[in-house]
Amino acid sequence: MTKIKENSTNQKNKQEVLFKCPITYTLSKIGGRWKPIIIYNLLEGTKRYGELKKAIPAITEKMLIQHLRELEEDQLVVRDVKPVVPPHVEYSLSITGRALSPVLDSMMEWAFANGKLEK
């Protein structure tokens, strides 16, 4: 992977916009192909890794793990490891993550009203 030049004008502009525009900030946390789908599935309640993988069959294991880690880092997802053998890990939304419910609902309504999607 190419190393990002931290002191480049592009990176400085990106950081400037990130912290001045609330929409850009929000999209940096929940944007992309898989994060909204992961969050949407966790709105139903706590799920184990296998349940998430089954609910999102097109996602690769690498991407699911990567995005769950990023969502956990951003404090949107809580990872709960149970002290049993074999390991039992559950994922759920934090309070901050659950607060995204109306945002995702609005995005769905917009898509149904303006896209070529069927309910």
PDB file of N, CA and C in Angstrom:
ATOM      1  N   MET A   1       0.839  -1.163   0.000  1.00  0.00           N
ATOM      2  CA  MET A   1       0.000   0.000   0.000  1.00  0.00           C
ATOM      3  C   MET A   1       0.894   1.239   0.000  1.00  0.00           C
ATOM      4  N   THR A   2       0.475   2.273  -0.691  1.00  0.00           N
ATOM      5  CA  THR A   2       1.248   3.499  -0.795  1.00  0.00           C
ATOM      6  C   THR A   2       1.194   4.266   0.518  1.00  0.00           C
ATOM      7  N   LYS A   3       2.345   4.753   0.951  1.00  0.00           N
ATOM      8  CA  LYS A   3       2.410   5.530   2.187  1.00  0.00           C
ATOM      9  C   LYS A   3       1.794   6.908   1.952  1.00  0.00           C
ATOM     10  N   ILE A   4       0.993   7.358   2.907  1.00  0.00           N
ATOM     11  CA  ILE A   4       0.347   8.663   2.803  1.00  0.00           C
ATOM     12  C   ILE A   4       1.318   9.724   3.292  1.00  0.00           C
ATOM     13  N   LYS A   5       1.507  10.732   2.487  1.00  0.00           N
ATOM     14  CA  LYS A   5       2.384  11.844   2.842  1.00  0.00           C
ATOM     15  C   LYS A   5       1.596  12.776   3.764  1.00  0.00           C
ATOM     16  N   GLU A   6       1.884  12.695   5.051  1.00  0.00           N
ATOM     17  CA  GLU A   6       1.103  13.396   6.074  1.00  0.00           C
ATOM     18  C   GLU A   6       1.135  14.918   5.941  1.00  0.00           C
ATOM     19  N   ASN A   7       2.236  15.479   5.436  1.00  0.00           N
ATOM     20  CA  ASN A   7       2.330  16.939   5.367  1.00  0.00           C
ATOM     21  C   ASN A   7       1.966  17.500   3.992  1.00  0.00           C
ATOM     22  N   SER A   8       1.307  16.700   3.170  1.00  0.00           N
ATOM     23  CA  SER A   8       0.913  17.183   1.849  1.00  0.00           C
ATOM     24  C   SER A   8      -0.265  18.152   1.960  1.00  0.00           C
ATOM     25  N   THR A   9      -0.408  19.003   0.960  1.00  0.00           N
ATOM     26  CA  THR A   9      -1.516  19.959   0.927  1.00  0.00           C
ATOM     27  C   THR A   9      -2.852  19.225   0.929  1.00  0.00           C
ATOM     28  N   ASN A  10      -2.931  18.133   0.200  1.00  0.00           N
ATOM     29  CA  ASN A  10      -4.158  17.344   0.137  1.00  0.00           C
ATOM     30  C   ASN A  10      -4.555  16.834   1.523  1.00  0.00           C
ATOM     31  N   GLN A  11      -3.598  16.320   2.292  1.00  0.00           N
ATOM     32  CA  GLN A  11      -3.889  15.818   3.640  1.00  0.00           C
ATOM     33  C   GLN A  11      -4.296  16.949   4.575  1.00  0.00           C
ATOM     34  N   LYS A  12      -3.636  18.106   4.448  1.00  0.00           N
ATOM     35  CA  LYS A  12      -4.003  19.249   5.284  1.00  0.00           C
ATOM     36  C   LYS A  12      -5.417  19.717   4.964  1.00  0.00           C
ATOM     37  N   ASN A  13      -5.761  19.767   3.679  1.00  0.00           N
ATOM     38  CA  ASN A  13      -7.119  20.157   3.270  1.00  0.00           C
ATOM     39  C   ASN A  13      -8.141  19.142   3.776  1.00  0.00           C
ATOM     40  N   LYS A  14      -7.803  17.874   3.687  1.00  0.00           N
ATOM     41  CA  LYS A  14      -8.703  16.814   4.143  1.00  0.00           C
ATOM     42  C   LYS A  14      -8.994  16.973   5.637  1.00  0.00           C
ATOM     43  N   GLN A  15      -7.969  17.208   6.438  1.00  0.00           N
ATOM     44  CA  GLN A  15      -8.143  17.395   7.881  1.00  0.00           C
ATOM     45  C   GLN A  15      -8.951  18.662   8.178  1.00  0.00           C
ATOM     46  N   GLU A  16      -8.699  19.693   7.417  1.00  0.00           N
ATOM     47  CA  GLU A  16      -9.422  20.967   7.590  1.00  0.00           C
ATOM     48  C   GLU A  16     -10.919  20.759   7.381  1.00  0.00           C
ATOM     49  N   VAL A  17     -11.281  20.093   6.305  1.00  0.00           N
ATOM     50  CA  VAL A  17     -12.686  19.854   5.985  1.00  0.00           C
ATOM     51  C   VAL A  17     -13.315  18.894   6.995  1.00  0.00           C
ATOM     52  N   LEU A  18     -12.555  17.891   7.399  1.00  0.00           N
ATOM     53  CA  LEU A  18     -13.066  16.868   8.313  1.00  0.00           C
ATOM     54  C   LEU A  18     -13.590  17.481   9.605  1.00  0.00           C
ATOM     55  N   PHE A  19     -12.890  18.461  10.130  1.00  0.00           N
ATOM     56  CA  PHE A  19     -13.273  19.022  11.420  1.00  0.00           C
ATOM     57  C   PHE A  19     -14.103  20.290  11.320  1.00  0.00           C
ATOM     58  N   LYS A  20     -14.392  20.735  10.113  1.00  0.00           N
ATOM     59  CA  LYS A  20     -15.232  21.929   9.958  1.00  0.00           C
ATOM     60  C   LYS A  20     -16.592  21.611   9.348  1.00  0.00           C
ATOM     61  N   CYS A  21     -16.719  20.466   8.705  1.00  0.00           N
ATOM     62  CA  CYS A  21     -17.979  20.104   8.058  1.00  0.00           C
ATOM     63  C   CYS A  21     -18.575  18.874   8.748  1.00  0.00           C
ATOM     64  N   PRO A  22     -19.717  19.023   9.412  1.00  0.00           N
ATOM     65  CA  PRO A  22     -20.296  17.888  10.132  1.00  0.00           C
ATOM     66  C   PRO A  22     -20.699  16.728   9.219  1.00  0.00           C
ATOM     67  N   ILE A  23     -21.077  17.029   7.995  1.00  0.00           N
ATOM     68  CA  ILE A  23     -21.458  15.959   7.066  1.00  0.00           C
ATOM     69  C   ILE A  23     -20.237  15.153   6.677  1.00  0.00           C
ATOM     70  N   THR A  24     -19.135  15.831   6.374  1.00  0.00           N
ATOM     71  CA  THR A  24     -17.895  15.132   6.031  1.00  0.00           C
ATOM     72  C   THR A  24     -17.408  14.299   7.215  1.00  0.00           C
ATOM     73  N   TYR A  25     -17.508  14.854   8.410  1.00  0.00           N
ATOM     74  CA  TYR A  25     -17.103  14.113   9.617  1.00  0.00           C
ATOM     75  C   TYR A  25     -17.933  12.842   9.769  1.00  0.00           C
ATOM     76  N   THR A  26     -19.252  12.968   9.638  1.00  0.00           N
ATOM     77  CA  THR A  26     -20.141  11.811   9.783  1.00  0.00           C
ATOM     78  C   THR A  26     -19.839  10.764   8.725  1.00  0.00           C
ATOM     79  N   LEU A  27     -19.673  11.192   7.484  1.00  0.00           N
ATOM     80  CA  LEU A  27     -19.363  10.245   6.416  1.00  0.00           C
ATOM     81  C   LEU A  27     -18.013   9.565   6.622  1.00  0.00           C
ATOM     82  N   SER A  28     -17.071  10.250   7.263  1.00  0.00           N
ATOM     83  CA  SER A  28     -15.774   9.623   7.528  1.00  0.00           C
ATOM     84  C   SER A  28     -15.916   8.491   8.537  1.00  0.00           C
ATOM     85  N   LYS A  29     -16.941   8.544   9.370  1.00  0.00           N
ATOM     86  CA  LYS A  29     -17.159   7.511  10.386  1.00  0.00           C
ATOM     87  C   LYS A  29     -18.052   6.374   9.893  1.00  0.00           C
ATOM     88  N   ILE A  30     -19.049   6.696   9.066  1.00  0.00           N
ATOM     89  CA  ILE A  30     -20.009   5.654   8.671  1.00  0.00           C
ATOM     90  C   ILE A  30     -20.067   5.436   7.173  1.00  0.00           C
ATOM     91  N   GLY A  31     -19.238   6.138   6.417  1.00  0.00           N
ATOM     92  CA  GLY A  31     -19.291   6.032   4.962  1.00  0.00           C
ATOM     93  C   GLY A  31     -18.629   4.769   4.447  1.00  0.00           C
ATOM     94  N   GLY A  32     -18.807   4.538   3.179  1.00  0.00           N
ATOM     95  CA  GLY A  32     -18.225   3.369   2.528  1.00  0.00           C
ATOM     96  C   GLY A  32     -19.282   2.356   2.163  1.00  0.00           C
ATOM     97  N   ARG A  33     -18.839   1.256   1.636  1.00  0.00           N
ATOM     98  CA  ARG A  33     -19.751   0.220   1.160  1.00  0.00           C
ATOM     99  C   ARG A  33     -20.348  -0.595   2.305  1.00  0.00           C
ATOM    100  N   TRP A  34     -19.559  -0.892   3.340  1.00  0.00           N
ATOM    101  CA  TRP A  34     -19.990  -1.879   4.324  1.00  0.00           C
ATOM    102  C   TRP A  34     -20.415  -1.322   5.676  1.00  0.00           C
ATOM    103  N   LYS A  35     -19.852  -0.219   6.103  1.00  0.00           N
ATOM    104  CA  LYS A  35     -20.168   0.278   7.444  1.00  0.00           C
ATOM    105  C   LYS A  35     -21.656   0.548   7.669  1.00  0.00           C
ATOM    106  N   PRO A  36     -22.346   1.208   6.727  1.00  0.00           N
ATOM    107  CA  PRO A  36     -23.782   1.417   6.961  1.00  0.00           C
ATOM    108  C   PRO A  36     -24.556   0.106   7.072  1.00  0.00           C
ATOM    109  N   ILE A  37     -24.147  -0.899   6.318  1.00  0.00           N
ATOM    110  CA  ILE A  37     -24.837  -2.189   6.360  1.00  0.00           C
ATOM    111  C   ILE A  37     -24.574  -2.886   7.692  1.00  0.00           C
ATOM    112  N   ILE A  38     -23.346  -2.808   8.183  1.00  0.00           N
ATOM    113  CA  ILE A  38     -23.014  -3.399   9.480  1.00  0.00           C
ATOM    114  C   ILE A  38     -23.825  -2.710  10.574  1.00  0.00           C
ATOM    115  N   ILE A  39     -23.827  -1.387  10.560  1.00  0.00           N
ATOM    116  CA  ILE A  39     -24.570  -0.628  11.573  1.00  0.00           C
ATOM    117  C   ILE A  39     -26.058  -0.961  11.491  1.00  0.00           C
ATOM    118  N   TYR A  40     -26.594  -1.005  10.288  1.00  0.00           N
ATOM    119  CA  TYR A  40     -28.015  -1.323  10.097  1.00  0.00           C
ATOM    120  C   TYR A  40     -28.354  -2.684  10.701  1.00  0.00           C
ATOM    121  N   ASN A  41     -27.501  -3.682  10.462  1.00  0.00           N
ATOM    122  CA  ASN A  41     -27.744  -5.020  11.019  1.00  0.00           C
ATOM    123  C   ASN A  41     -27.636  -5.036  12.534  1.00  0.00           C
ATOM    124  N   LEU A  42     -26.767  -4.226  13.096  1.00  0.00           N
ATOM    125  CA  LEU A  42     -26.632  -4.179  14.549  1.00  0.00           C
ATOM    126  C   LEU A  42     -27.746  -3.374  15.212  1.00  0.00           C
ATOM    127  N   LEU A  43     -28.491  -2.590  14.437  1.00  0.00           N
ATOM    128  CA  LEU A  43     -29.649  -1.890  15.003  1.00  0.00           C
ATOM    129  C   LEU A  43     -30.700  -2.888  15.491  1.00  0.00           C
ATOM    130  N   GLU A  44     -30.695  -4.092  14.912  1.00  0.00           N
ATOM    131  CA  GLU A  44     -31.634  -5.138  15.325  1.00  0.00           C
ATOM    132  C   GLU A  44     -31.267  -5.711  16.688  1.00  0.00           C
ATOM    133  N   GLY A  45     -30.024  -5.523  17.107  1.00  0.00           N
ATOM    134  CA  GLY A  45     -29.571  -6.038  18.397  1.00  0.00           C
ATOM    135  C   GLY A  45     -28.185  -6.656  18.286  1.00  0.00           C
ATOM    136  N   THR A  46     -27.725  -7.182  19.400  1.00  0.00           N
ATOM    137  CA  THR A  46     -26.400  -7.785  19.494  1.00  0.00           C
ATOM    138  C   THR A  46     -26.286  -8.989  18.568  1.00  0.00           C
ATOM    139  N   LYS A  47     -25.127  -9.099  17.919  1.00  0.00           N
ATOM    140  CA  LYS A  47     -24.893 -10.221  17.006  1.00  0.00           C
ATOM    141  C   LYS A  47     -23.474 -10.736  17.184  1.00  0.00           C
ATOM    142  N   ARG A  48     -23.312 -12.022  16.959  1.00  0.00           N
ATOM    143  CA  ARG A  48     -21.989 -12.618  16.909  1.00  0.00           C
ATOM    144  C   ARG A  48     -21.424 -12.399  15.509  1.00  0.00           C
ATOM    145  N   TYR A  49     -20.113 -12.595  15.386  1.00  0.00           N
ATOM    146  CA  TYR A  49     -19.442 -12.404  14.098  1.00  0.00           C
ATOM    147  C   TYR A  49     -20.114 -13.234  13.003  1.00  0.00           C
ATOM    148  N   GLY A  50     -20.363 -14.502  13.275  1.00  0.00           N
ATOM    149  CA  GLY A  50     -20.973 -15.388  12.285  1.00  0.00           C
ATOM    150  C   GLY A  50     -22.353 -14.929  11.844  1.00  0.00           C
ATOM    151  N   GLU A  51     -23.111 -14.355  12.766  1.00  0.00           N
ATOM    152  CA  GLU A  51     -24.440 -13.841  12.423  1.00  0.00           C
ATOM    153  C   GLU A  51     -24.324 -12.640  11.485  1.00  0.00           C
ATOM    154  N   LEU A  52     -23.344 -11.784  11.754  1.00  0.00           N
ATOM    155  CA  LEU A  52     -23.122 -10.638  10.860  1.00  0.00           C
ATOM    156  C   LEU A  52     -22.681 -11.110   9.486  1.00  0.00           C
ATOM    157  N   LYS A  53     -21.778 -12.081   9.459  1.00  0.00           N
ATOM    158  CA  LYS A  53     -21.273 -12.606   8.182  1.00  0.00           C
ATOM    159  C   LYS A  53     -22.431 -13.216   7.388  1.00  0.00           C
ATOM    160  N   LYS A  54     -23.307 -13.913   8.053  1.00  0.00           N
ATOM    161  CA  LYS A  54     -24.460 -14.539   7.390  1.00  0.00           C
ATOM    162  C   LYS A  54     -25.453 -13.475   6.897  1.00  0.00           C
ATOM    163  N   ALA A  55     -25.592 -12.398   7.658  1.00  0.00           N
ATOM    164  CA  ALA A  55     -26.521 -11.328   7.275  1.00  0.00           C
ATOM    165  C   ALA A  55     -25.989 -10.503   6.112  1.00  0.00           C
ATOM    166  N   ILE A  56     -24.658 -10.498   5.933  1.00  0.00           N
ATOM    167  CA  ILE A  56     -24.020  -9.720   4.861  1.00  0.00           C
ATOM    168  C   ILE A  56     -23.127 -10.677   4.061  1.00  0.00           C
ATOM    169  N   PRO A  57     -23.710 -11.584   3.293  1.00  0.00           N
ATOM    170  CA  PRO A  57     -22.910 -12.634   2.639  1.00  0.00           C
ATOM    171  C   PRO A  57     -21.875 -12.123   1.633  1.00  0.00           C
ATOM    172  N   ALA A  58     -22.075 -10.957   1.062  1.00  0.00           N
ATOM    173  CA  ALA A  58     -21.150 -10.466   0.037  1.00  0.00           C
ATOM    174  C   ALA A  58     -19.853  -9.902   0.627  1.00  0.00           C
ATOM    175  N   ILE A  59     -19.835  -9.625   1.920  1.00  0.00           N
ATOM    176  CA  ILE A  59     -18.640  -9.043   2.530  1.00  0.00           C
ATOM    177  C   ILE A  59     -17.603 -10.133   2.792  1.00  0.00           C
ATOM    178  N   THR A  60     -16.341  -9.802   2.566  1.00  0.00           N
ATOM    179  CA  THR A  60     -15.272 -10.764   2.858  1.00  0.00           C
ATOM    180  C   THR A  60     -14.970 -10.723   4.357  1.00  0.00           C
ATOM    181  N   GLU A  61     -14.354 -11.782   4.849  1.00  0.00           N
ATOM    182  CA  GLU A  61     -13.998 -11.830   6.268  1.00  0.00           C
ATOM    183  C   GLU A  61     -13.056 -10.684   6.617  1.00  0.00           C
ATOM    184  N   LYS A  62     -12.093 -10.427   5.740  1.00  0.00           N
ATOM    185  CA  LYS A  62     -11.123  -9.357   5.977  1.00  0.00           C
ATOM    186  C   LYS A  62     -11.827  -8.016   6.138  1.00  0.00           C
ATOM    187  N   MET A  63     -12.761  -7.716   5.242  1.00  0.00           N
ATOM    188  CA  MET A  63     -13.453  -6.424   5.294  1.00  0.00           C
ATOM    189  C   MET A  63     -14.354  -6.331   6.523  1.00  0.00           C
ATOM    190  N   LEU A  64     -15.024  -7.413   6.874  1.00  0.00           N
ATOM    191  CA  LEU A  64     -15.896  -7.384   8.047  1.00  0.00           C
ATOM    192  C   LEU A  64     -15.071  -7.128   9.304  1.00  0.00           C
ATOM    193  N   ILE A  65     -13.967  -7.837   9.447  1.00  0.00           N
ATOM    194  CA  ILE A  65     -13.098  -7.646  10.614  1.00  0.00           C
ATOM    195  C   ILE A  65     -12.557  -6.219  10.640  1.00  0.00           C
ATOM    196  N   GLN A  66     -12.078  -5.753   9.500  1.00  0.00           N
ATOM    197  CA  GLN A  66     -11.498  -4.410   9.413  1.00  0.00           C
ATOM    198  C   GLN A  66     -12.517  -3.335   9.794  1.00  0.00           C
ATOM    199  N   HIS A  67     -13.721  -3.438   9.248  1.00  0.00           N
ATOM    200  CA  HIS A  67     -14.736  -2.419   9.522  1.00  0.00           C
ATOM    201  C   HIS A  67     -15.259  -2.501  10.951  1.00  0.00           C
ATOM    202  N   LEU A  68     -15.377  -3.715  11.500  1.00  0.00           N
ATOM    203  CA  LEU A  68     -15.779  -3.835  12.902  1.00  0.00           C
ATOM    204  C   LEU A  68     -14.742  -3.177  13.809  1.00  0.00           C
ATOM    205  N   ARG A  69     -13.467  -3.359  13.497  1.00  0.00           N
ATOM    206  CA  ARG A  69     -12.401  -2.724  14.289  1.00  0.00           C
ATOM    207  C   ARG A  69     -12.475  -1.204  14.179  1.00  0.00           C
ATOM    208  N   GLU A  70     -12.686  -0.699  12.960  1.00  0.00           N
ATOM    209  CA  GLU A  70     -12.786   0.756  12.777  1.00  0.00           C
ATOM    210  C   GLU A  70     -13.994   1.321  13.513  1.00  0.00           C
ATOM    211  N   LEU A  71     -15.123   0.626  13.427  1.00  0.00           N
ATOM    212  CA  LEU A  71     -16.334   1.081  14.117  1.00  0.00           C
ATOM    213  C   LEU A  71     -16.133   1.041  15.636  1.00  0.00           C
ATOM    214  N   GLU A  72     -15.389   0.046  16.109  1.00  0.00           N
ATOM    215  CA  GLU A  72     -15.080  -0.029  17.536  1.00  0.00           C
ATOM    216  C   GLU A  72     -14.142   1.117  17.938  1.00  0.00           C
ATOM    217  N   GLU A  73     -13.133   1.381  17.113  1.00  0.00           N
ATOM    218  CA  GLU A  73     -12.210   2.502  17.362  1.00  0.00           C
ATOM    219  C   GLU A  73     -12.951   3.833  17.432  1.00  0.00           C
ATOM    220  N   ASP A  74     -13.945   3.991  16.578  1.00  0.00           N
ATOM    221  CA  ASP A  74     -14.745   5.228  16.539  1.00  0.00           C
ATOM    222  C   ASP A  74     -15.853   5.233  17.589  1.00  0.00           C
ATOM    223  N   GLN A  75     -15.864   4.209  18.431  1.00  0.00           N
ATOM    224  CA  GLN A  75     -16.817   4.072  19.532  1.00  0.00           C
ATOM    225  C   GLN A  75     -18.268   4.021  19.079  1.00  0.00           C
ATOM    226  N   LEU A  76     -18.490   3.416  17.921  1.00  0.00           N
ATOM    227  CA  LEU A  76     -19.849   3.205  17.426  1.00  0.00           C
ATOM    228  C   LEU A  76     -20.311   1.777  17.715  1.00  0.00           C
ATOM    229  N   VAL A  77     -19.348   0.869  17.826  1.00  0.00           N
ATOM    230  CA  VAL A  77     -19.632  -0.544  18.084  1.00  0.00           C
ATOM    231  C   VAL A  77     -18.889  -0.969  19.343  1.00  0.00           C
ATOM    232  N   VAL A  78     -19.548  -1.815  20.138  1.00  0.00           N
ATOM    233  CA  VAL A  78     -18.946  -2.383  21.340  1.00  0.00           C
ATOM    234  C   VAL A  78     -18.680  -3.859  21.079  1.00  0.00           C
ATOM    235  N   ARG A  79     -17.451  -4.275  21.339  1.00  0.00           N
ATOM    236  CA  ARG A  79     -17.044  -5.678  21.178  1.00  0.00           C
ATOM    237  C   ARG A  79     -16.978  -6.286  22.566  1.00  0.00           C
ATOM    238  N   ASP A  80     -17.768  -7.333  22.788  1.00  0.00           N
ATOM    239  CA  ASP A  80     -17.833  -7.982  24.096  1.00  0.00           C
ATOM    240  C   ASP A  80     -17.310  -9.408  23.966  1.00  0.00           C
ATOM    241  N   VAL A  81     -16.164  -9.672  24.591  1.00  0.00           N
ATOM    242  CA  VAL A  81     -15.547 -10.998  24.551  1.00  0.00           C
ATOM    243  C   VAL A  81     -15.928 -11.737  25.825  1.00  0.00           C
ATOM    244  N   LYS A  82     -16.581 -12.880  25.668  1.00  0.00           N
ATOM    245  CA  LYS A  82     -16.978 -13.703  26.805  1.00  0.00           C
ATOM    246  C   LYS A  82     -15.811 -14.630  27.169  1.00  0.00           C
ATOM    247  N   PRO A  83     -15.524 -14.802  28.459  1.00  0.00           N
ATOM    248  CA  PRO A  83     -14.386 -15.626  28.879  1.00  0.00           C
ATOM    249  C   PRO A  83     -14.703 -17.125  28.845  1.00  0.00           C
ATOM    250  N   VAL A  84     -14.906 -17.643  27.648  1.00  0.00           N
ATOM    251  CA  VAL A  84     -15.184 -19.078  27.477  1.00  0.00           C
ATOM    252  C   VAL A  84     -14.307 -19.622  26.359  1.00  0.00           C
ATOM    253  N   VAL A  85     -14.214 -20.940  26.301  1.00  0.00           N
ATOM    254  CA  VAL A  85     -13.484 -21.605  25.224  1.00  0.00           C
ATOM    255  C   VAL A  85     -14.491 -22.447  24.472  1.00  0.00           C
ATOM    256  N   PRO A  86     -14.616 -22.331  23.161  1.00  0.00           N
ATOM    257  CA  PRO A  86     -13.938 -21.390  22.282  1.00  0.00           C
ATOM    258  C   PRO A  86     -14.418 -19.956  22.528  1.00  0.00           C
ATOM    259  N   PRO A  87     -13.637 -18.965  22.069  1.00  0.00           N
ATOM    260  CA  PRO A  87     -14.006 -17.567  22.309  1.00  0.00           C
ATOM    261  C   PRO A  87     -15.405 -17.238  21.773  1.00  0.00           C
ATOM    262  N   HIS A  88     -16.113 -16.484  22.543  1.00  0.00           N
ATOM    263  CA  HIS A  88     -17.469 -16.057  22.179  1.00  0.00           C
ATOM    264  C   HIS A  88     -17.454 -14.523  22.172  1.00  0.00           C
ATOM    265  N   VAL A  89     -17.556 -13.938  20.972  1.00  0.00           N
ATOM    266  CA  VAL A  89     -17.491 -12.484  20.827  1.00  0.00           C
ATOM    267  C   VAL A  89     -18.820 -11.979  20.290  1.00  0.00           C
ATOM    268  N   GLU A  90     -19.327 -10.947  20.927  1.00  0.00           N
ATOM    269  CA  GLU A  90     -20.578 -10.329  20.484  1.00  0.00           C
ATOM    270  C   GLU A  90     -20.322  -8.870  20.150  1.00  0.00           C
ATOM    271  N   TYR A  91     -21.050  -8.386  19.152  1.00  0.00           N
ATOM    272  CA  TYR A  91     -20.950  -6.992  18.726  1.00  0.00           C
ATOM    273  C   TYR A  91     -22.312  -6.338  18.909  1.00  0.00           C
ATOM    274  N   SER A  92     -22.278  -5.127  19.419  1.00  0.00           N
ATOM    275  CA  SER A  92     -23.510  -4.357  19.558  1.00  0.00           C
ATOM    276  C   SER A  92     -23.166  -2.887  19.326  1.00  0.00           C
ATOM    277  N   LEU A  93     -24.193  -2.096  19.116  1.00  0.00           N
ATOM    278  CA  LEU A  93     -23.977  -0.667  18.935  1.00  0.00           C
ATOM    279  C   LEU A  93     -23.853   0.018  20.289  1.00  0.00           C
ATOM    280  N   SER A  94     -22.962   0.974  20.352  1.00  0.00           N
ATOM    281  CA  SER A  94     -22.855   1.814  21.542  1.00  0.00           C
ATOM    282  C   SER A  94     -24.033   2.791  21.519  1.00  0.00           C
ATOM    283  N   ILE A  95     -24.132   3.594  22.546  1.00  0.00           N
ATOM    284  CA  ILE A  95     -25.181   4.626  22.568  1.00  0.00           C
ATOM    285  C   ILE A  95     -25.004   5.552  21.369  1.00  0.00           C
ATOM    286  N   THR A  96     -23.748   5.911  21.080  1.00  0.00           N
ATOM    287  CA  THR A  96     -23.457   6.774  19.934  1.00  0.00           C
ATOM    288  C   THR A  96     -23.845   6.091  18.632  1.00  0.00           C
ATOM    289  N   GLY A  97     -23.580   4.798  18.531  1.00  0.00           N
ATOM    290  CA  GLY A  97     -23.939   4.035  17.333  1.00  0.00           C
ATOM    291  C   GLY A  97     -25.443   3.944  17.151  1.00  0.00           C
ATOM    292  N   ARG A  98     -26.169   3.720  18.258  1.00  0.00           N
ATOM    293  CA  ARG A  98     -27.637   3.647  18.172  1.00  0.00           C
ATOM    294  C   ARG A  98     -28.244   4.990  17.771  1.00  0.00           C
ATOM    295  N   ALA A  99     -27.554   6.069  18.103  1.00  0.00           N
ATOM    296  CA  ALA A  99     -28.044   7.403  17.741  1.00  0.00           C
ATOM    297  C   ALA A  99     -28.044   7.614  16.229  1.00  0.00           C
ATOM    298  N   LEU A 100     -27.393   6.718  15.482  1.00  0.00           N
ATOM    299  CA  LEU A 100     -27.381   6.809  14.016  1.00  0.00           C
ATOM    300  C   LEU A 100     -28.663   6.262  13.381  1.00  0.00           C
ATOM    301  N   SER A 101     -29.528   5.650  14.159  1.00  0.00           N
ATOM    302  CA  SER A 101     -30.757   5.051  13.627  1.00  0.00           C
ATOM    303  C   SER A 101     -31.584   6.035  12.794  1.00  0.00           C
ATOM    304  N   PRO A 102     -31.891   7.245  13.289  1.00  0.00           N
ATOM    305  CA  PRO A 102     -32.678   8.160  12.458  1.00  0.00           C
ATOM    306  C   PRO A 102     -31.937   8.607  11.204  1.00  0.00           C
ATOM    307  N   VAL A 103     -30.613   8.663  11.285  1.00  0.00           N
ATOM    308  CA  VAL A 103     -29.812   9.040  10.108  1.00  0.00           C
ATOM    309  C   VAL A 103     -29.977   7.981   9.023  1.00  0.00           C
ATOM    310  N   LEU A 104     -29.815   6.709   9.403  1.00  0.00           N
ATOM    311  CA  LEU A 104     -29.961   5.621   8.427  1.00  0.00           C
ATOM    312  C   LEU A 104     -31.391   5.517   7.917  1.00  0.00           C
ATOM    313  N   ASP A 105     -32.362   5.744   8.806  1.00  0.00           N
ATOM    314  CA  ASP A 105     -33.772   5.721   8.377  1.00  0.00           C
ATOM    315  C   ASP A 105     -34.030   6.802   7.332  1.00  0.00           C
ATOM    316  N   SER A 106     -33.496   7.990   7.564  1.00  0.00           N
ATOM    317  CA  SER A 106     -33.663   9.090   6.603  1.00  0.00           C
ATOM    318  C   SER A 106     -32.990   8.764   5.274  1.00  0.00           C
ATOM    319  N   MET A 107     -31.823   8.147   5.336  1.00  0.00           N
ATOM    320  CA  MET A 107     -31.126   7.763   4.110  1.00  0.00           C
ATOM    321  C   MET A 107     -31.939   6.728   3.329  1.00  0.00           C
ATOM    322  N   MET A 108     -32.556   5.773   4.049  1.00  0.00           N
ATOM    323  CA  MET A 108     -33.389   4.768   3.372  1.00  0.00           C
ATOM    324  C   MET A 108     -34.601   5.420   2.720  1.00  0.00           C
ATOM    325  N   GLU A 109     -35.266   6.294   3.442  1.00  0.00           N
ATOM    326  CA  GLU A 109     -36.441   6.967   2.887  1.00  0.00           C
ATOM    327  C   GLU A 109     -36.075   7.774   1.649  1.00  0.00           C
ATOM    328  N   TRP A 110     -34.946   8.461   1.703  1.00  0.00           N
ATOM    329  CA  TRP A 110     -34.496   9.241   0.552  1.00  0.00           C
ATOM    330  C   TRP A 110     -34.245   8.318  -0.638  1.00  0.00           C
ATOM    331  N   ALA A 111     -33.605   7.179  -0.388  1.00  0.00           N
ATOM    332  CA  ALA A 111     -33.303   6.237  -1.472  1.00  0.00           C
ATOM    333  C   ALA A 111     -34.582   5.688  -2.098  1.00  0.00           C
ATOM    334  N   PHE A 112     -35.571   5.352  -1.278  1.00  0.00           N
ATOM    335  CA  PHE A 112     -36.819   4.831  -1.826  1.00  0.00           C
ATOM    336  C   PHE A 112     -37.574   5.914  -2.610  1.00  0.00           C
ATOM    337  N   ALA A 113     -37.505   7.149  -2.134  1.00  0.00           N
ATOM    338  CA  ALA A 113     -38.230   8.233  -2.797  1.00  0.00           C
ATOM    339  C   ALA A 113     -37.524   8.696  -4.072  1.00  0.00           C
ATOM    340  N   ASN A 114     -36.206   8.601  -4.132  1.00  0.00           N
ATOM    341  CA  ASN A 114     -35.454   9.177  -5.251  1.00  0.00           C
ATOM    342  C   ASN A 114     -34.675   8.178  -6.077  1.00  0.00           C
ATOM    343  N   GLY A 115     -34.619   6.969  -5.621  1.00  0.00           N
ATOM    344  CA  GLY A 115     -33.875   5.954  -6.368  1.00  0.00           C
ATOM    345  C   GLY A 115     -34.812   5.004  -7.075  1.00  0.00           C
ATOM    346  N   LYS A 116     -34.274   4.035  -7.678  1.00  0.00           N
ATOM    347  CA  LYS A 116     -35.083   3.035  -8.371  1.00  0.00           C
ATOM    348  C   LYS A 116     -35.162   1.772  -7.499  1.00  0.00           C
ATOM    349  N   LEU A 117     -35.433   1.979  -6.217  1.00  0.00           N
ATOM    350  CA  LEU A 117     -35.482   0.884  -5.260  1.00  0.00           C
ATOM    351  C   LEU A 117     -36.918   0.564  -4.912  1.00  0.00           C
ATOM    352  N   GLU A 118     -37.158  -0.683  -4.598  1.00  0.00           N
ATOM    353  CA  GLU A 118     -38.485  -1.096  -4.147  1.00  0.00           C
ATOM    354  C   GLU A 118     -38.416  -1.464  -2.677  1.00  0.00           C
ATOM    355  N   LYS A 119     -39.466  -1.111  -1.955  1.00  0.00           N
ATOM    356  CA  LYS A 119     -39.517  -1.455  -0.516  1.00  0.00           C
ATOM    357  C   LYS A 119     -39.785  -2.927  -0.343  1.00  0.00           C
TER     358      LYS A 119
END
